[in-house]
Amino acid sequence: MQSGVSGESIFMDRIKLPSLVHYELILQVLERQATVAADRDPIVRERVQQLIVTLRKALSQHKLLEDVCRHQKMEVEHVWALNSVVGRNEVTTRD
């Protein structure tokens, strides 16, 4: 969390969002592996390409959301897994 000149937090609220690396991992699997396997079937290849485009749009929207949150003085906390340690009053999900 960032601090202002007087040592107090400049962020009013916090929002938890997935880490951007999650999008990148899925995109790499689709682009490097699924696309190659789907080359033999034009219908599957088209669906994989549509999914890649959709995920790229989602990644772009996620980055815009982070920018808006920071502009609104909301701290963005990246979540890496559902079973991560969370705040006091939140429920954790375990596999």
N, C-alpha and C. Protein backbone atom coordinates (compact mmCIF):
# COMPACT_ATOMS: atom_id res chain seq x y z
N MET A 1 0.84 -1.17 0.00
CA MET A 1 0.00 0.00 0.00
C MET A 1 0.88 1.23 0.00
N GLN A 2 0.54 2.23 -0.78
CA GLN A 2 1.33 3.44 -0.84
C GLN A 2 0.95 4.38 0.30
N SER A 3 1.89 5.22 0.69
CA SER A 3 1.63 6.17 1.77
C SER A 3 1.77 7.59 1.27
N GLY A 4 0.98 8.48 1.85
CA GLY A 4 1.06 9.89 1.53
C GLY A 4 2.19 10.53 2.31
N VAL A 5 2.30 11.85 2.23
CA VAL A 5 3.36 12.60 2.88
C VAL A 5 3.32 12.40 4.39
N SER A 6 2.11 12.37 4.98
CA SER A 6 1.98 12.26 6.42
C SER A 6 2.06 10.82 6.91
N GLY A 7 2.32 9.86 6.01
CA GLY A 7 2.42 8.48 6.41
C GLY A 7 1.11 7.72 6.32
N GLU A 8 0.01 8.42 6.05
CA GLU A 8 -1.27 7.73 5.94
C GLU A 8 -1.46 7.21 4.52
N SER A 9 -2.30 6.23 4.39
CA SER A 9 -2.54 5.62 3.09
C SER A 9 -3.23 6.59 2.15
N ILE A 10 -2.79 6.60 0.87
CA ILE A 10 -3.47 7.44 -0.11
C ILE A 10 -4.61 6.68 -0.77
N PHE A 11 -4.70 5.34 -0.50
CA PHE A 11 -5.77 4.54 -1.05
C PHE A 11 -6.92 4.47 -0.06
N MET A 12 -8.14 4.62 -0.56
CA MET A 12 -9.32 4.55 0.30
C MET A 12 -9.84 3.13 0.41
N ASP A 13 -9.85 2.40 -0.68
CA ASP A 13 -10.39 1.06 -0.73
C ASP A 13 -9.42 0.14 -1.44
N ARG A 14 -9.71 -1.15 -1.36
CA ARG A 14 -8.88 -2.15 -2.02
C ARG A 14 -9.79 -3.03 -2.86
N ILE A 15 -9.30 -3.42 -4.04
CA ILE A 15 -10.03 -4.35 -4.90
C ILE A 15 -9.10 -5.50 -5.24
N LYS A 16 -9.64 -6.71 -5.13
CA LYS A 16 -8.85 -7.90 -5.47
C LYS A 16 -9.19 -8.32 -6.89
N LEU A 17 -8.16 -8.47 -7.69
CA LEU A 17 -8.31 -8.88 -9.08
C LEU A 17 -7.31 -9.98 -9.38
N PRO A 18 -7.63 -10.84 -10.36
CA PRO A 18 -6.64 -11.85 -10.74
C PRO A 18 -5.38 -11.18 -11.28
N SER A 19 -4.27 -11.85 -11.10
CA SER A 19 -3.03 -11.35 -11.67
C SER A 19 -3.10 -11.43 -13.19
N LEU A 20 -2.50 -10.47 -13.86
CA LEU A 20 -2.50 -10.45 -15.32
C LEU A 20 -1.78 -11.66 -15.92
N VAL A 21 -0.91 -12.28 -15.16
CA VAL A 21 -0.17 -13.43 -15.66
C VAL A 21 -1.11 -14.59 -15.98
N HIS A 22 -2.27 -14.64 -15.34
CA HIS A 22 -3.23 -15.71 -15.62
C HIS A 22 -3.71 -15.63 -17.07
N TYR A 23 -3.99 -14.43 -17.55
CA TYR A 23 -4.39 -14.25 -18.95
C TYR A 23 -3.25 -14.69 -19.88
N GLU A 24 -2.04 -14.26 -19.55
CA GLU A 24 -0.89 -14.56 -20.39
C GLU A 24 -0.65 -16.06 -20.49
N LEU A 25 -0.80 -16.77 -19.39
CA LEU A 25 -0.60 -18.21 -19.40
C LEU A 25 -1.61 -18.88 -20.33
N ILE A 26 -2.88 -18.54 -20.20
CA ILE A 26 -3.92 -19.13 -21.04
C ILE A 26 -3.68 -18.78 -22.51
N LEU A 27 -3.32 -17.54 -22.78
CA LEU A 27 -3.05 -17.14 -24.16
C LEU A 27 -1.88 -17.91 -24.75
N GLN A 28 -0.83 -18.11 -23.96
CA GLN A 28 0.32 -18.86 -24.47
C GLN A 28 -0.04 -20.30 -24.79
N VAL A 29 -0.84 -20.93 -23.93
CA VAL A 29 -1.26 -22.31 -24.20
C VAL A 29 -2.08 -22.36 -25.48
N LEU A 30 -3.01 -21.43 -25.63
CA LEU A 30 -3.84 -21.42 -26.83
C LEU A 30 -3.03 -21.15 -28.09
N GLU A 31 -2.14 -20.17 -28.01
CA GLU A 31 -1.37 -19.78 -29.20
C GLU A 31 -0.30 -20.80 -29.58
N ARG A 32 0.33 -21.41 -28.59
CA ARG A 32 1.46 -22.31 -28.87
C ARG A 32 1.03 -23.76 -29.06
N GLN A 33 -0.03 -24.16 -28.39
CA GLN A 33 -0.38 -25.58 -28.43
C GLN A 33 -1.72 -25.84 -29.09
N ALA A 34 -2.76 -25.14 -28.67
CA ALA A 34 -4.10 -25.40 -29.22
C ALA A 34 -4.19 -25.01 -30.69
N THR A 35 -3.57 -23.91 -31.05
CA THR A 35 -3.61 -23.46 -32.44
C THR A 35 -2.96 -24.48 -33.37
N VAL A 36 -1.84 -25.03 -32.95
CA VAL A 36 -1.14 -26.02 -33.76
C VAL A 36 -2.01 -27.27 -33.94
N ALA A 37 -2.60 -27.74 -32.86
CA ALA A 37 -3.44 -28.94 -32.92
C ALA A 37 -4.72 -28.68 -33.72
N ALA A 38 -5.23 -27.44 -33.68
CA ALA A 38 -6.49 -27.11 -34.34
C ALA A 38 -6.31 -26.83 -35.84
N ASP A 39 -5.09 -26.76 -36.32
CA ASP A 39 -4.85 -26.44 -37.73
C ASP A 39 -5.51 -27.44 -38.69
N ARG A 40 -5.70 -28.65 -38.24
CA ARG A 40 -6.27 -29.68 -39.11
C ARG A 40 -7.78 -29.53 -39.31
N ASP A 41 -8.43 -28.80 -38.41
CA ASP A 41 -9.90 -28.66 -38.48
C ASP A 41 -10.26 -27.18 -38.51
N PRO A 42 -10.79 -26.67 -39.62
CA PRO A 42 -11.08 -25.24 -39.74
C PRO A 42 -12.10 -24.74 -38.72
N ILE A 43 -13.04 -25.56 -38.33
CA ILE A 43 -14.04 -25.13 -37.34
C ILE A 43 -13.40 -24.96 -35.97
N VAL A 44 -12.59 -25.92 -35.58
CA VAL A 44 -11.90 -25.84 -34.29
C VAL A 44 -10.90 -24.68 -34.31
N ARG A 45 -10.17 -24.54 -35.43
CA ARG A 45 -9.20 -23.44 -35.55
C ARG A 45 -9.89 -22.09 -35.37
N GLU A 46 -11.05 -21.92 -36.01
CA GLU A 46 -11.81 -20.66 -35.88
C GLU A 46 -12.24 -20.42 -34.45
N ARG A 47 -12.69 -21.45 -33.76
CA ARG A 47 -13.10 -21.31 -32.36
C ARG A 47 -11.93 -20.94 -31.46
N VAL A 48 -10.79 -21.55 -31.70
CA VAL A 48 -9.59 -21.22 -30.91
C VAL A 48 -9.22 -19.76 -31.16
N GLN A 49 -9.25 -19.31 -32.41
CA GLN A 49 -8.94 -17.92 -32.72
C GLN A 49 -9.92 -16.96 -32.06
N GLN A 50 -11.20 -17.31 -32.06
CA GLN A 50 -12.20 -16.47 -31.39
C GLN A 50 -11.93 -16.39 -29.89
N LEU A 51 -11.54 -17.50 -29.30
CA LEU A 51 -11.23 -17.51 -27.87
C LEU A 51 -10.01 -16.64 -27.57
N ILE A 52 -9.00 -16.71 -28.42
CA ILE A 52 -7.80 -15.88 -28.24
C ILE A 52 -8.18 -14.40 -28.31
N VAL A 53 -8.99 -14.02 -29.29
CA VAL A 53 -9.43 -12.63 -29.42
C VAL A 53 -10.21 -12.20 -28.18
N THR A 54 -11.10 -13.05 -27.71
CA THR A 54 -11.90 -12.73 -26.52
C THR A 54 -11.02 -12.54 -25.29
N LEU A 55 -10.03 -13.42 -25.12
CA LEU A 55 -9.13 -13.28 -23.98
C LEU A 55 -8.27 -12.03 -24.07
N ARG A 56 -7.84 -11.68 -25.27
CA ARG A 56 -7.07 -10.43 -25.44
C ARG A 56 -7.92 -9.22 -25.07
N LYS A 57 -9.20 -9.25 -25.45
CA LYS A 57 -10.12 -8.17 -25.08
C LYS A 57 -10.30 -8.12 -23.57
N ALA A 58 -10.45 -9.30 -22.95
CA ALA A 58 -10.60 -9.36 -21.49
C ALA A 58 -9.36 -8.81 -20.79
N LEU A 59 -8.19 -9.15 -21.29
CA LEU A 59 -6.94 -8.63 -20.73
C LEU A 59 -6.89 -7.12 -20.84
N SER A 60 -7.27 -6.59 -21.98
CA SER A 60 -7.30 -5.15 -22.19
C SER A 60 -8.28 -4.47 -21.23
N GLN A 61 -9.46 -5.05 -21.08
CA GLN A 61 -10.46 -4.50 -20.15
C GLN A 61 -9.97 -4.57 -18.71
N HIS A 62 -9.28 -5.63 -18.37
CA HIS A 62 -8.74 -5.77 -17.02
C HIS A 62 -7.72 -4.66 -16.73
N LYS A 63 -6.84 -4.40 -17.70
CA LYS A 63 -5.85 -3.33 -17.53
C LYS A 63 -6.53 -1.98 -17.38
N LEU A 64 -7.58 -1.75 -18.17
CA LEU A 64 -8.33 -0.49 -18.05
C LEU A 64 -8.98 -0.37 -16.68
N LEU A 65 -9.53 -1.48 -16.19
CA LEU A 65 -10.15 -1.48 -14.86
C LEU A 65 -9.12 -1.13 -13.80
N GLU A 66 -7.93 -1.71 -13.89
CA GLU A 66 -6.89 -1.38 -12.93
C GLU A 66 -6.53 0.10 -12.98
N ASP A 67 -6.44 0.65 -14.17
CA ASP A 67 -6.13 2.08 -14.32
C ASP A 67 -7.22 2.94 -13.68
N VAL A 68 -8.48 2.58 -13.92
CA VAL A 68 -9.60 3.33 -13.35
C VAL A 68 -9.57 3.23 -11.83
N CYS A 69 -9.33 2.03 -11.31
CA CYS A 69 -9.29 1.85 -9.85
C CYS A 69 -8.19 2.71 -9.23
N ARG A 70 -7.02 2.69 -9.83
CA ARG A 70 -5.92 3.50 -9.28
C ARG A 70 -6.24 4.99 -9.36
N HIS A 71 -6.87 5.39 -10.44
CA HIS A 71 -7.28 6.80 -10.58
C HIS A 71 -8.29 7.18 -9.51
N GLN A 72 -9.13 6.22 -9.11
CA GLN A 72 -10.14 6.45 -8.07
C GLN A 72 -9.59 6.18 -6.67
N LYS A 73 -8.28 6.05 -6.58
CA LYS A 73 -7.59 5.82 -5.30
C LYS A 73 -7.95 4.49 -4.66
N MET A 74 -8.18 3.48 -5.50
CA MET A 74 -8.41 2.12 -5.00
C MET A 74 -7.14 1.32 -5.22
N GLU A 75 -6.69 0.67 -4.19
CA GLU A 75 -5.51 -0.19 -4.31
C GLU A 75 -5.91 -1.47 -5.02
N VAL A 76 -5.11 -1.88 -5.99
CA VAL A 76 -5.35 -3.13 -6.70
C VAL A 76 -4.46 -4.20 -6.09
N GLU A 77 -5.08 -5.24 -5.58
CA GLU A 77 -4.34 -6.36 -5.01
C GLU A 77 -4.52 -7.55 -5.94
N HIS A 78 -3.42 -8.09 -6.43
CA HIS A 78 -3.50 -9.23 -7.35
C HIS A 78 -3.63 -10.52 -6.56
N VAL A 79 -4.61 -11.32 -6.96
CA VAL A 79 -4.86 -12.62 -6.35
C VAL A 79 -4.25 -13.67 -7.26
N TRP A 80 -3.52 -14.59 -6.68
CA TRP A 80 -2.82 -15.61 -7.46
C TRP A 80 -3.55 -16.95 -7.45
N ALA A 81 -4.37 -17.20 -6.43
CA ALA A 81 -5.07 -18.48 -6.35
C ALA A 81 -6.28 -18.32 -5.42
N LEU A 82 -7.26 -19.19 -5.61
CA LEU A 82 -8.44 -19.14 -4.75
C LEU A 82 -8.13 -19.57 -3.33
N ASN A 83 -7.12 -20.41 -3.14
CA ASN A 83 -6.80 -20.88 -1.81
C ASN A 83 -5.71 -20.06 -1.14
N SER A 84 -5.50 -18.83 -1.60
CA SER A 84 -4.54 -17.92 -0.99
C SER A 84 -5.04 -17.49 0.38
N VAL A 85 -4.14 -17.07 1.22
CA VAL A 85 -4.53 -16.52 2.51
C VAL A 85 -5.23 -15.20 2.25
N VAL A 86 -6.41 -15.01 2.87
CA VAL A 86 -7.21 -13.82 2.65
C VAL A 86 -7.46 -13.10 3.97
N GLY A 87 -8.17 -11.99 3.89
CA GLY A 87 -8.44 -11.15 5.05
C GLY A 87 -9.22 -11.85 6.14
N ARG A 88 -9.33 -11.19 7.28
CA ARG A 88 -9.95 -11.77 8.48
C ARG A 88 -11.38 -12.24 8.28
N ASN A 89 -12.22 -11.45 7.63
CA ASN A 89 -13.63 -11.75 7.55
C ASN A 89 -14.03 -12.43 6.25
N GLU A 90 -13.06 -12.92 5.50
CA GLU A 90 -13.36 -13.54 4.22
C GLU A 90 -13.23 -15.05 4.32
N VAL A 91 -14.00 -15.73 3.52
CA VAL A 91 -13.99 -17.18 3.49
C VAL A 91 -12.93 -17.64 2.49
N THR A 92 -12.17 -18.65 2.85
CA THR A 92 -11.19 -19.20 1.93
C THR A 92 -11.77 -20.41 1.23
N THR A 93 -11.32 -20.65 0.01
CA THR A 93 -11.75 -21.81 -0.76
C THR A 93 -10.56 -22.74 -0.89
N ARG A 94 -10.74 -23.98 -0.50
CA ARG A 94 -9.68 -24.98 -0.59
C ARG A 94 -10.10 -26.06 -1.57
N ASP A 95 -9.13 -26.58 -2.32
CA ASP A 95 -9.42 -27.67 -3.26
C ASP A 95 -9.60 -28.97 -2.51
